Amino acid sequence: EIANPYSICYWNPDMYGVYPHKPESQLYYDSLMELYAEWGVDFIKCDDICRHDNSSCRLEIEMIYNIHGYLENSKENYVLVTSANAVTNFDFDDVFDFHSAKNADITIVYKNTQVPEGIKRPMILDIAEDNKINDIYITPEAEGVKNICFGTILVSKHLLLTIIKQALSVNETNVKKVIRNAVLEHRAYAFENKGYFAPITTMKEYYNFNMDLMNPEVRRELFNK
């Protein structure tokens, strides 16, 4: 029994987490990757794995790292990390083109926008004129319009695995700190999302987005690009 009935996503309680200390849990992850590889899948959205304040976080990250064979054997050279707390529509090909033009190691997509109500420690980017990221500030109770990272990051699979391995070696499991350290150590650039963007971090923001959908211009940008 690897299913943990007490490890449940509070906003989507459809599935259980796993007990990370049980060897069968790693076998479960391994079997999933073997199945996806057999199917020829080269894109996986791996969401809601753990929170940095959860005691099982390190073990969860280790189990993800332990499936590095899947990444290493994938025909793709890059990993696109995306988050799910906003509604927007932009072309990822533009991000890849930007990444290549800048000869970047890491590209972070950001939005210049008001700090959402539901994000208590937003990742705020300090960006130079050439779009190079000088630093990331993990700022509690930030207010006003900022350059905010909402979790969309492009990085090579080799560098991603190196970053995770380094983080585990120093027992660092705070994802935001891991990202900041990586930005300071590598060539990191910021790509601006200039289109419609609606953060969904509170019920009020969810309501506001639904009201925005009454606007035909918003619908056209989101669904007919």
Protein backbone atom coordinates (compact mmCIF):
# COMPACT_ATOMS: atom_id res chain seq x y z
CA GLU A 1 0.00 0.00 0.00
CA ILE A 2 1.79 3.12 -1.20
CA ALA A 3 -1.21 5.45 -1.41
CA ASN A 4 -1.29 8.06 1.36
CA PRO A 5 -4.91 9.10 2.01
CA TYR A 6 -3.67 12.07 4.05
CA SER A 7 -1.64 13.51 1.15
CA ILE A 8 -4.34 15.30 -0.82
CA CYS A 9 -4.28 18.47 -2.89
CA TYR A 10 -6.63 20.86 -1.08
CA TRP A 11 -8.06 22.31 -4.30
CA ASN A 12 -8.34 19.04 -6.24
CA PRO A 13 -8.85 16.07 -3.88
CA ASP A 14 -9.35 13.47 -6.61
CA MET A 15 -6.12 11.55 -5.99
CA TYR A 16 -3.81 10.50 -3.18
CA GLY A 17 -0.10 11.09 -2.83
CA VAL A 18 2.33 8.28 -2.11
CA TYR A 19 4.40 7.38 0.94
CA PRO A 20 7.86 8.44 -0.25
CA HIS A 21 9.74 6.27 2.25
CA LYS A 22 8.38 3.00 0.83
CA PRO A 23 10.54 1.31 -1.83
CA GLU A 24 7.41 0.40 -3.78
CA SER A 25 6.75 4.12 -4.30
CA GLN A 26 9.94 4.49 -6.32
CA LEU A 27 8.99 1.40 -8.31
CA TYR A 28 5.65 3.07 -9.04
CA TYR A 29 7.38 6.15 -10.48
CA ASP A 30 9.83 3.95 -12.41
CA SER A 31 7.00 1.90 -13.93
CA LEU A 32 5.18 5.05 -15.07
CA MET A 33 8.29 6.35 -16.82
CA GLU A 34 8.90 2.99 -18.48
CA LEU A 35 5.32 2.97 -19.74
CA TYR A 36 5.52 6.52 -21.09
CA ALA A 37 8.84 5.72 -22.77
CA GLU A 38 7.28 2.65 -24.37
CA TRP A 39 4.48 4.84 -25.72
CA GLY A 40 7.00 7.33 -27.12
CA VAL A 41 5.76 10.15 -24.90
CA ASP A 42 8.20 13.08 -24.72
CA PHE A 43 6.04 15.60 -22.84
CA ILE A 44 4.86 15.10 -19.28
CA LYS A 45 3.14 17.66 -17.07
CA CYS A 46 4.27 16.70 -13.57
CA ASP A 47 2.16 18.92 -11.34
CA ASP A 48 1.44 19.28 -7.63
CA ILE A 49 4.30 17.03 -6.52
CA CYS A 50 5.03 18.62 -3.18
CA ARG A 51 5.20 21.82 -1.21
CA HIS A 52 8.47 23.20 0.14
CA ASP A 53 7.02 23.20 3.68
CA ASN A 54 6.03 19.53 3.52
CA SER A 55 8.22 17.09 5.46
CA SER A 56 8.15 14.60 2.56
CA CYS A 57 9.38 17.16 0.04
CA ARG A 58 13.00 15.98 -0.08
CA LEU A 59 12.00 12.36 -0.63
CA GLU A 60 9.54 13.37 -3.34
CA ILE A 61 12.23 15.37 -5.15
CA GLU A 62 14.64 12.45 -4.85
CA MET A 63 12.10 10.12 -6.44
CA ILE A 64 11.65 12.52 -9.34
CA TYR A 65 15.41 12.74 -9.74
CA ASN A 66 15.64 8.96 -9.70
CA ILE A 67 13.66 8.80 -12.94
CA HIS A 68 16.37 10.83 -14.66
CA GLY A 69 16.88 7.93 -17.05
CA TYR A 70 13.64 8.91 -18.76
CA LEU A 71 14.87 12.44 -19.33
CA GLU A 72 18.31 11.32 -20.43
CA ASN A 73 16.85 8.91 -22.98
CA SER A 74 14.28 11.36 -24.28
CA LYS A 75 14.89 12.70 -27.78
CA GLU A 76 14.09 16.21 -26.57
CA ASN A 77 16.91 18.45 -25.36
CA TYR A 78 14.80 20.81 -23.27
CA VAL A 79 12.34 20.71 -20.42
CA LEU A 80 9.52 23.27 -20.30
CA VAL A 81 8.25 23.72 -16.75
CA THR A 82 4.81 25.30 -16.52
CA SER A 83 2.52 26.25 -13.67
CA ALA A 84 -1.25 26.17 -13.52
CA ASN A 85 -2.28 29.20 -11.47
CA ALA A 86 -3.08 31.53 -14.35
CA VAL A 87 -5.03 31.72 -17.61
CA THR A 88 -3.13 33.01 -20.63
CA ASN A 89 -2.28 32.14 -24.23
CA PHE A 90 1.10 32.59 -25.88
CA ASP A 91 3.25 30.64 -28.30
CA PHE A 92 5.98 28.55 -26.66
CA ASP A 93 7.86 28.63 -29.97
CA ASP A 94 8.49 32.32 -29.27
CA VAL A 95 10.06 31.36 -25.94
CA PHE A 96 12.34 28.82 -27.64
CA ASP A 97 13.36 31.37 -30.28
CA PHE A 98 14.11 33.95 -27.57
CA HIS A 99 16.08 31.36 -25.57
CA SER A 100 18.20 30.47 -28.60
CA ALA A 101 18.78 34.09 -29.64
CA LYS A 102 20.04 34.96 -26.16
CA ASN A 103 22.14 31.79 -25.92
CA ALA A 104 20.49 31.38 -22.55
CA ASP A 105 20.88 28.55 -20.06
CA ILE A 106 17.56 29.36 -18.43
CA THR A 107 14.60 31.40 -19.69
CA ILE A 108 11.88 32.48 -17.28
CA VAL A 109 8.55 33.77 -18.57
CA TYR A 110 7.22 36.71 -16.57
CA LYS A 111 4.30 39.09 -16.48
CA ASN A 112 4.49 42.74 -15.53
CA THR A 113 1.36 42.86 -13.43
CA GLN A 114 -0.21 43.53 -10.05
CA VAL A 115 0.88 41.08 -7.36
CA PRO A 116 -2.00 38.58 -7.00
CA GLU A 117 -3.83 38.51 -3.70
CA GLY A 118 -3.25 34.81 -3.12
CA ILE A 119 0.54 34.79 -3.58
CA LYS A 120 2.22 35.68 -0.30
CA ARG A 121 5.83 35.27 -1.45
CA PRO A 122 5.93 36.11 -5.17
CA MET A 123 9.06 35.60 -7.25
CA ILE A 124 9.92 39.10 -8.49
CA LEU A 125 12.51 39.45 -11.26
CA ASP A 126 15.15 42.17 -11.42
CA ILE A 127 15.67 42.48 -15.18
CA ALA A 128 18.42 44.33 -17.06
CA GLU A 129 17.84 46.23 -20.31
CA ASP A 130 19.01 43.23 -22.38
CA ASN A 131 16.46 41.03 -20.55
CA LYS A 132 19.14 39.30 -18.48
CA ILE A 133 17.93 38.45 -15.00
CA ASN A 134 20.06 40.16 -12.36
CA ASP A 135 18.33 38.55 -9.40
CA ILE A 136 15.09 37.08 -8.09
CA TYR A 137 13.49 38.49 -4.96
CA ILE A 138 11.23 36.15 -3.02
CA THR A 139 9.39 38.98 -1.37
CA PRO A 140 6.79 38.55 1.36
CA GLU A 141 3.76 40.82 1.15
CA ALA A 142 4.93 42.60 -2.01
CA GLU A 143 2.48 45.11 -3.44
CA GLY A 144 1.98 47.00 -6.69
CA VAL A 145 2.98 46.14 -10.24
CA LYS A 146 6.04 43.88 -10.47
CA ASN A 147 7.81 41.59 -12.94
CA ILE A 148 6.49 38.30 -11.60
CA CYS A 149 7.50 34.74 -12.41
CA PHE A 150 4.45 32.48 -12.38
CA GLY A 151 6.39 29.27 -12.86
CA THR A 152 7.04 28.92 -16.61
CA ILE A 153 10.71 28.08 -17.16
CA LEU A 154 12.66 26.71 -20.12
CA VAL A 155 15.89 24.82 -19.38
CA SER A 156 17.93 22.04 -20.93
CA LYS A 157 17.26 18.62 -19.44
CA HIS A 158 20.95 18.21 -18.60
CA LEU A 159 21.05 21.47 -16.65
CA LEU A 160 17.77 20.70 -14.90
CA LEU A 161 19.11 17.40 -13.61
CA THR A 162 22.33 19.09 -12.51
CA ILE A 163 20.36 21.75 -10.61
CA ILE A 164 18.21 19.14 -8.85
CA LYS A 165 21.25 17.05 -7.94
CA GLN A 166 23.06 20.06 -6.52
CA ALA A 167 20.00 21.05 -4.49
CA LEU A 168 19.67 17.58 -3.01
CA SER A 169 23.38 17.50 -2.14
CA VAL A 170 22.92 20.49 0.19
CA ASN A 171 19.46 19.46 1.43
CA GLU A 172 17.78 22.41 -0.31
CA THR A 173 14.13 21.64 -1.05
CA ASN A 174 12.66 25.13 -1.28
CA VAL A 175 11.90 25.28 -5.00
CA LYS A 176 11.98 29.09 -5.16
CA LYS A 177 15.44 29.18 -3.59
CA VAL A 178 16.65 26.47 -5.97
CA ILE A 179 15.45 28.54 -8.94
CA ARG A 180 17.08 31.72 -7.59
CA ASN A 181 20.42 29.96 -7.03
CA ALA A 182 20.31 28.55 -10.55
CA VAL A 183 19.59 31.99 -12.02
CA LEU A 184 22.57 33.51 -10.22
CA GLU A 185 24.90 30.74 -11.39
CA HIS A 186 23.88 30.56 -15.06
CA ARG A 187 22.89 32.71 -18.04
CA ALA A 188 19.26 33.44 -17.22
CA TYR A 189 16.97 35.66 -19.28
CA ALA A 190 13.41 36.90 -18.90
CA PHE A 191 10.77 36.56 -21.62
CA GLU A 192 7.78 38.87 -21.20
CA ASN A 193 4.26 37.56 -21.69
CA LYS A 194 2.56 40.62 -23.18
CA GLY A 195 -0.85 39.08 -23.79
CA TYR A 196 -3.96 38.64 -21.68
CA PHE A 197 -3.12 37.16 -18.30
CA ALA A 198 -5.43 36.29 -15.42
CA PRO A 199 -3.93 34.87 -12.20
CA ILE A 200 -6.19 32.45 -10.36
CA THR A 201 -5.06 32.47 -6.73
CA THR A 202 -8.30 33.45 -4.97
CA MET A 203 -12.03 33.01 -5.53
CA LYS A 204 -12.25 36.72 -6.31
CA GLU A 205 -9.69 36.40 -9.11
CA TYR A 206 -11.53 33.35 -10.42
CA TYR A 207 -14.74 35.39 -10.49
CA ASN A 208 -13.00 38.31 -12.21
CA PHE A 209 -11.63 36.00 -14.90
CA ASN A 210 -15.08 34.63 -15.60
CA MET A 211 -16.35 38.18 -15.96
CA ASP A 212 -13.49 38.89 -18.38
CA LEU A 213 -14.75 36.05 -20.55
CA MET A 214 -17.81 38.16 -21.29
CA ASN A 215 -15.46 40.36 -23.33
CA PRO A 216 -15.24 39.04 -26.93
CA GLU A 217 -11.68 40.38 -27.28
CA VAL A 218 -10.56 38.26 -24.33
CA ARG A 219 -12.28 35.17 -25.72
CA ARG A 220 -10.73 35.78 -29.11
CA GLU A 221 -7.21 36.05 -27.67
CA LEU A 222 -7.55 32.99 -25.47
CA PHE A 223 -9.30 30.62 -27.86
CA ASN A 224 -8.82 31.85 -31.42
CA LYS A 225 -5.16 32.77 -31.69
